Amino acid sequence: MKSIFVLLVILFLLPLGIYCSHNTANDPSGKISIPFGKSYTYDDIFVKRAVDGDTLVLESGERVRLIGIDTPEMHESGKLYRDSRRTGMDIRTIQALGKRSYEFTRKLLENQRVRLEFDVEKRDKYKRLLGYVFLKDGTFANAEIVKQGYASLMTYPPNVKYVDLFKKLYKAAREN
């Protein structure tokens, strides 16, 4: 009877891209696990695209909001108008700066394998991952974006692991 079940699994599930694995070293009960879809590790994940200067899309389809930084808006939004009122800057100027920060982030991170590091909270209210992003060569992307003058600081406790570094880099960028 067991061999008929295994045959049915092979005949019907394998063509669907589903496979079975039996690993008694990890599961001494001898249970069969059937994984669905691809699994991803945040220690080595591919950045498909930059959405804007501080948001990415990963190969998993998840969005990552870069912790600790805020880049100007490129598109019409409530935030664009709030930023304009708050800073006194023209909307077109903010959008132009947003486009420049997007281009920098795109060139830095798009089509790269990265490591994500998390702080206290892993996701925001929009279900985006909240992450510190590191390139394979060790470049700390969040910090580099601030250092090059493409972002201001945006800190939401309890995610404050690198706030002192960001403040130092932001001050230096403003002075330069």
C-alpha atoms as a PDB file:
ATOM      1  CA  MET A   1       0.000   0.000   0.000  1.00  0.00           C
ATOM      2  CA  LYS A   2       2.856   2.385   0.881  1.00  0.00           C
ATOM      3  CA  SER A   3       4.517   1.777  -2.494  1.00  0.00           C
ATOM      4  CA  ILE A   4       1.256   2.658  -4.298  1.00  0.00           C
ATOM      5  CA  PHE A   5       1.131   5.959  -2.382  1.00  0.00           C
ATOM      6  CA  VAL A   6       4.726   6.765  -3.336  1.00  0.00           C
ATOM      7  CA  LEU A   7       3.983   5.927  -6.971  1.00  0.00           C
ATOM      8  CA  LEU A   8       0.929   8.217  -6.922  1.00  0.00           C
ATOM      9  CA  VAL A   9       3.010  11.034  -5.462  1.00  0.00           C
ATOM     10  CA  ILE A  10       5.624  10.607  -8.146  1.00  0.00           C
ATOM     11  CA  LEU A  11       3.089  10.402 -10.981  1.00  0.00           C
ATOM     12  CA  PHE A  12       0.886  13.299  -9.925  1.00  0.00           C
ATOM     13  CA  LEU A  13       2.975  15.735  -7.895  1.00  0.00           C
ATOM     14  CA  LEU A  14       6.340  15.728  -9.651  1.00  0.00           C
ATOM     15  CA  PRO A  15       4.942  17.031 -12.970  1.00  0.00           C
ATOM     16  CA  LEU A  16       3.541  19.972 -10.992  1.00  0.00           C
ATOM     17  CA  GLY A  17       7.011  20.915  -9.801  1.00  0.00           C
ATOM     18  CA  ILE A  18       6.433  19.601  -6.291  1.00  0.00           C
ATOM     19  CA  TYR A  19       8.915  17.183  -4.876  1.00  0.00           C
ATOM     20  CA  CYS A  20       9.327  15.108  -1.747  1.00  0.00           C
ATOM     21  CA  SER A  21      12.375  14.866   0.416  1.00  0.00           C
ATOM     22  CA  HIS A  22      13.016  12.331   3.089  1.00  0.00           C
ATOM     23  CA  ASN A  23      15.741  13.260   5.535  1.00  0.00           C
ATOM     24  CA  THR A  24      15.782  11.065   8.598  1.00  0.00           C
ATOM     25  CA  ALA A  25      18.825  12.925   9.962  1.00  0.00           C
ATOM     26  CA  ASN A  26      16.709  16.050  10.475  1.00  0.00           C
ATOM     27  CA  ASP A  27      13.434  14.264  11.135  1.00  0.00           C
ATOM     28  CA  PRO A  28      13.929  10.949  12.960  1.00  0.00           C
ATOM     29  CA  SER A  29      10.172  10.250  12.797  1.00  0.00           C
ATOM     30  CA  GLY A  30      10.630   9.438   9.121  1.00  0.00           C
ATOM     31  CA  LYS A  31       7.962  11.923   8.005  1.00  0.00           C
ATOM     32  CA  ILE A  32       8.027  13.146   4.435  1.00  0.00           C
ATOM     33  CA  SER A  33       8.147  16.897   3.901  1.00  0.00           C
ATOM     34  CA  ILE A  34       6.780  18.504   0.754  1.00  0.00           C
ATOM     35  CA  PRO A  35       8.229  21.996   0.252  1.00  0.00           C
ATOM     36  CA  PHE A  36       6.259  24.400  -1.932  1.00  0.00           C
ATOM     37  CA  GLY A  37       8.053  27.103  -3.878  1.00  0.00           C
ATOM     38  CA  LYS A  38      11.573  28.362  -3.562  1.00  0.00           C
ATOM     39  CA  SER A  39      13.062  29.339  -0.235  1.00  0.00           C
ATOM     40  CA  TYR A  40      15.243  32.433   0.121  1.00  0.00           C
ATOM     41  CA  THR A  41      17.903  33.454   2.564  1.00  0.00           C
ATOM     42  CA  TYR A  42      18.444  37.085   3.456  1.00  0.00           C
ATOM     43  CA  ASP A  43      22.184  36.427   3.812  1.00  0.00           C
ATOM     44  CA  ASP A  44      22.472  36.169   0.033  1.00  0.00           C
ATOM     45  CA  ILE A  45      19.539  37.504  -1.961  1.00  0.00           C
ATOM     46  CA  PHE A  46      19.250  39.161  -5.359  1.00  0.00           C
ATOM     47  CA  VAL A  47      17.932  42.720  -5.761  1.00  0.00           C
ATOM     48  CA  LYS A  48      15.663  42.745  -8.824  1.00  0.00           C
ATOM     49  CA  ARG A  49      15.081  46.472  -8.905  1.00  0.00           C
ATOM     50  CA  ALA A  50      15.040  49.739  -7.041  1.00  0.00           C
ATOM     51  CA  VAL A  51      11.562  51.228  -6.683  1.00  0.00           C
ATOM     52  CA  ASP A  52      12.926  54.586  -5.557  1.00  0.00           C
ATOM     53  CA  GLY A  53      15.896  55.830  -3.544  1.00  0.00           C
ATOM     54  CA  ASP A  54      15.017  53.926  -0.384  1.00  0.00           C
ATOM     55  CA  THR A  55      12.907  50.929  -1.476  1.00  0.00           C
ATOM     56  CA  LEU A  56      13.935  47.734  -3.281  1.00  0.00           C
ATOM     57  CA  VAL A  57      12.274  44.655  -4.742  1.00  0.00           C
ATOM     58  CA  LEU A  58      13.994  41.334  -4.056  1.00  0.00           C
ATOM     59  CA  GLU A  59      14.019  38.158  -6.147  1.00  0.00           C
ATOM     60  CA  SER A  60      11.448  36.772  -3.688  1.00  0.00           C
ATOM     61  CA  GLY A  61       9.054  39.558  -4.710  1.00  0.00           C
ATOM     62  CA  GLU A  62       9.299  41.182  -1.288  1.00  0.00           C
ATOM     63  CA  ARG A  63       9.864  44.908  -0.915  1.00  0.00           C
ATOM     64  CA  VAL A  64      12.579  46.228   1.369  1.00  0.00           C
ATOM     65  CA  ARG A  65      12.431  49.685   2.923  1.00  0.00           C
ATOM     66  CA  LEU A  66      15.943  50.825   3.827  1.00  0.00           C
ATOM     67  CA  ILE A  67      16.037  51.602   7.550  1.00  0.00           C
ATOM     68  CA  GLY A  68      17.182  54.969   8.826  1.00  0.00           C
ATOM     69  CA  ILE A  69      17.084  56.947   5.601  1.00  0.00           C
ATOM     70  CA  ASP A  70      14.585  58.930   3.574  1.00  0.00           C
ATOM     71  CA  THR A  71      15.066  59.976  -0.033  1.00  0.00           C
ATOM     72  CA  PRO A  72      13.079  62.642  -1.888  1.00  0.00           C
ATOM     73  CA  GLU A  73       9.882  61.588  -3.656  1.00  0.00           C
ATOM     74  CA  MET A  74       9.910  61.132  -7.434  1.00  0.00           C
ATOM     75  CA  HIS A  75       6.197  60.670  -7.953  1.00  0.00           C
ATOM     76  CA  GLU A  76       3.077  62.606  -7.049  1.00  0.00           C
ATOM     77  CA  SER A  77       2.024  61.652  -3.534  1.00  0.00           C
ATOM     78  CA  GLY A  78       0.805  63.110  -0.298  1.00  0.00           C
ATOM     79  CA  LYS A  79       4.328  62.830   1.049  1.00  0.00           C
ATOM     80  CA  LEU A  80       5.673  64.892  -1.854  1.00  0.00           C
ATOM     81  CA  TYR A  81       3.304  67.736  -1.004  1.00  0.00           C
ATOM     82  CA  ARG A  82       3.989  67.456   2.744  1.00  0.00           C
ATOM     83  CA  ASP A  83       7.734  67.555   2.078  1.00  0.00           C
ATOM     84  CA  SER A  84       7.284  70.623  -0.121  1.00  0.00           C
ATOM     85  CA  ARG A  85       5.340  72.463   2.585  1.00  0.00           C
ATOM     86  CA  ARG A  86       7.784  71.357   5.302  1.00  0.00           C
ATOM     87  CA  THR A  87      10.959  72.341   3.427  1.00  0.00           C
ATOM     88  CA  GLY A  88       9.644  75.225   1.311  1.00  0.00           C
ATOM     89  CA  MET A  89      11.109  73.531  -1.769  1.00  0.00           C
ATOM     90  CA  ASP A  90       9.370  73.495  -5.132  1.00  0.00           C
ATOM     91  CA  ILE A  91       7.708  70.163  -5.989  1.00  0.00           C
ATOM     92  CA  ARG A  92       9.648  69.847  -9.268  1.00  0.00           C
ATOM     93  CA  THR A  93      12.935  70.330  -7.401  1.00  0.00           C
ATOM     94  CA  ILE A  94      12.040  67.599  -4.904  1.00  0.00           C
ATOM     95  CA  GLN A  95      11.093  65.260  -7.761  1.00  0.00           C
ATOM     96  CA  ALA A  96      14.373  65.974  -9.556  1.00  0.00           C
ATOM     97  CA  LEU A  97      16.297  65.182  -6.373  1.00  0.00           C
ATOM     98  CA  GLY A  98      14.186  62.042  -5.975  1.00  0.00           C
ATOM     99  CA  LYS A  99      15.116  60.931  -9.470  1.00  0.00           C
ATOM    100  CA  ARG A 100      18.825  61.462  -8.705  1.00  0.00           C
ATOM    101  CA  SER A 101      18.612  59.451  -5.470  1.00  0.00           C
ATOM    102  CA  TYR A 102      16.717  56.692  -7.289  1.00  0.00           C
ATOM    103  CA  GLU A 103      19.410  56.542  -9.990  1.00  0.00           C
ATOM    104  CA  PHE A 104      22.145  56.307  -7.360  1.00  0.00           C
ATOM    105  CA  THR A 105      20.364  53.514  -5.489  1.00  0.00           C
ATOM    106  CA  ARG A 106      19.581  51.721  -8.750  1.00  0.00           C
ATOM    107  CA  LYS A 107      23.228  51.784  -9.859  1.00  0.00           C
ATOM    108  CA  LEU A 108      24.424  50.727  -6.406  1.00  0.00           C
ATOM    109  CA  LEU A 109      22.012  47.863  -5.720  1.00  0.00           C
ATOM    110  CA  GLU A 110      20.016  46.722  -8.741  1.00  0.00           C
ATOM    111  CA  ASN A 111      21.042  43.290 -10.073  1.00  0.00           C
ATOM    112  CA  GLN A 112      23.298  42.717  -7.075  1.00  0.00           C
ATOM    113  CA  ARG A 113      23.366  39.948  -4.487  1.00  0.00           C
ATOM    114  CA  VAL A 114      23.146  41.452  -1.016  1.00  0.00           C
ATOM    115  CA  ARG A 115      22.874  40.583   2.643  1.00  0.00           C
ATOM    116  CA  LEU A 116      19.993  42.003   4.645  1.00  0.00           C
ATOM    117  CA  GLU A 117      20.355  42.784   8.310  1.00  0.00           C
ATOM    118  CA  PHE A 118      17.307  43.456  10.433  1.00  0.00           C
ATOM    119  CA  ASP A 119      16.775  45.558  13.536  1.00  0.00           C
ATOM    120  CA  VAL A 120      14.107  45.127  16.210  1.00  0.00           C
ATOM    121  CA  GLU A 121      11.145  45.246  13.818  1.00  0.00           C
ATOM    122  CA  LYS A 122      11.343  43.143  10.682  1.00  0.00           C
ATOM    123  CA  ARG A 123       8.363  44.655   8.800  1.00  0.00           C
ATOM    124  CA  ASP A 124       6.544  47.980   8.613  1.00  0.00           C
ATOM    125  CA  LYS A 125       2.796  48.599   8.560  1.00  0.00           C
ATOM    126  CA  TYR A 126       2.823  48.099   4.770  1.00  0.00           C
ATOM    127  CA  LYS A 127       4.346  44.604   5.222  1.00  0.00           C
ATOM    128  CA  ARG A 128       7.655  45.687   3.634  1.00  0.00           C
ATOM    129  CA  LEU A 129      10.839  44.254   5.081  1.00  0.00           C
ATOM    130  CA  LEU A 130      12.819  46.832   7.047  1.00  0.00           C
ATOM    131  CA  GLY A 131      16.476  46.283   6.350  1.00  0.00           C
ATOM    132  CA  TYR A 132      20.052  47.374   6.403  1.00  0.00           C
ATOM    133  CA  VAL A 133      21.537  46.295   3.063  1.00  0.00           C
ATOM    134  CA  PHE A 134      25.133  45.190   2.566  1.00  0.00           C
ATOM    135  CA  LEU A 135      26.768  44.470  -0.780  1.00  0.00           C
ATOM    136  CA  LYS A 136      29.030  41.432  -1.119  1.00  0.00           C
ATOM    137  CA  ASP A 137      32.117  43.701  -0.960  1.00  0.00           C
ATOM    138  CA  GLY A 138      30.941  44.910   2.477  1.00  0.00           C
ATOM    139  CA  THR A 139      29.550  48.277   1.334  1.00  0.00           C
ATOM    140  CA  PHE A 140      26.768  49.348   3.692  1.00  0.00           C
ATOM    141  CA  ALA A 141      24.213  50.659   1.184  1.00  0.00           C
ATOM    142  CA  ASN A 142      22.020  52.628   3.626  1.00  0.00           C
ATOM    143  CA  ALA A 143      25.118  54.463   4.887  1.00  0.00           C
ATOM    144  CA  GLU A 144      26.540  54.999   1.390  1.00  0.00           C
ATOM    145  CA  ILE A 145      23.316  56.642   0.206  1.00  0.00           C
ATOM    146  CA  VAL A 146      23.481  59.073   3.146  1.00  0.00           C
ATOM    147  CA  LYS A 147      27.236  59.616   2.761  1.00  0.00           C
ATOM    148  CA  GLN A 148      26.844  60.580  -0.908  1.00  0.00           C
ATOM    149  CA  GLY A 149      24.130  63.111  -0.020  1.00  0.00           C
ATOM    150  CA  TYR A 150      21.150  61.335  -1.573  1.00  0.00           C
ATOM    151  CA  ALA A 151      19.150  60.838   1.648  1.00  0.00           C
ATOM    152  CA  SER A 152      18.195  62.518   4.849  1.00  0.00           C
ATOM    153  CA  LEU A 153      17.708  60.715   8.142  1.00  0.00           C
ATOM    154  CA  MET A 154      14.496  59.063   9.194  1.00  0.00           C
ATOM    155  CA  THR A 155      14.636  57.210  12.465  1.00  0.00           C
ATOM    156  CA  TYR A 156      11.750  55.286  13.975  1.00  0.00           C
ATOM    157  CA  PRO A 157      12.555  53.662  17.305  1.00  0.00           C
ATOM    158  CA  PRO A 158      13.121  50.884  18.085  1.00  0.00           C
ATOM    159  CA  ASN A 159      15.039  50.492  14.776  1.00  0.00           C
ATOM    160  CA  VAL A 160      18.039  52.620  15.742  1.00  0.00           C
ATOM    161  CA  LYS A 161      21.032  50.278  15.494  1.00  0.00           C
ATOM    162  CA  TYR A 162      23.054  52.569  13.176  1.00  0.00           C
ATOM    163  CA  VAL A 163      21.542  55.967  14.027  1.00  0.00           C
ATOM    164  CA  ASP A 164      24.845  57.412  15.320  1.00  0.00           C
ATOM    165  CA  LEU A 165      26.681  56.403  12.121  1.00  0.00           C
ATOM    166  CA  PHE A 166      23.913  57.866   9.958  1.00  0.00           C
ATOM    167  CA  LYS A 167      23.974  61.162  11.911  1.00  0.00           C
ATOM    168  CA  LYS A 168      27.737  61.455  11.450  1.00  0.00           C
ATOM    169  CA  LEU A 169      27.546  60.709   7.703  1.00  0.00           C
ATOM    170  CA  TYR A 170      24.589  63.055   7.199  1.00  0.00           C
ATOM    171  CA  LYS A 171      26.375  65.917   8.951  1.00  0.00           C
ATOM    172  CA  ALA A 172      29.490  65.386   6.800  1.00  0.00           C
ATOM    173  CA  ALA A 173      27.416  65.210   3.602  1.00  0.00           C
ATOM    174  CA  ARG A 174      25.599  68.449   4.470  1.00  0.00           C
ATOM    175  CA  GLU A 175      28.905  70.197   5.149  1.00  0.00           C
ATOM    176  CA  ASN A 176      30.314  69.057   1.805  1.00  0.00           C
END
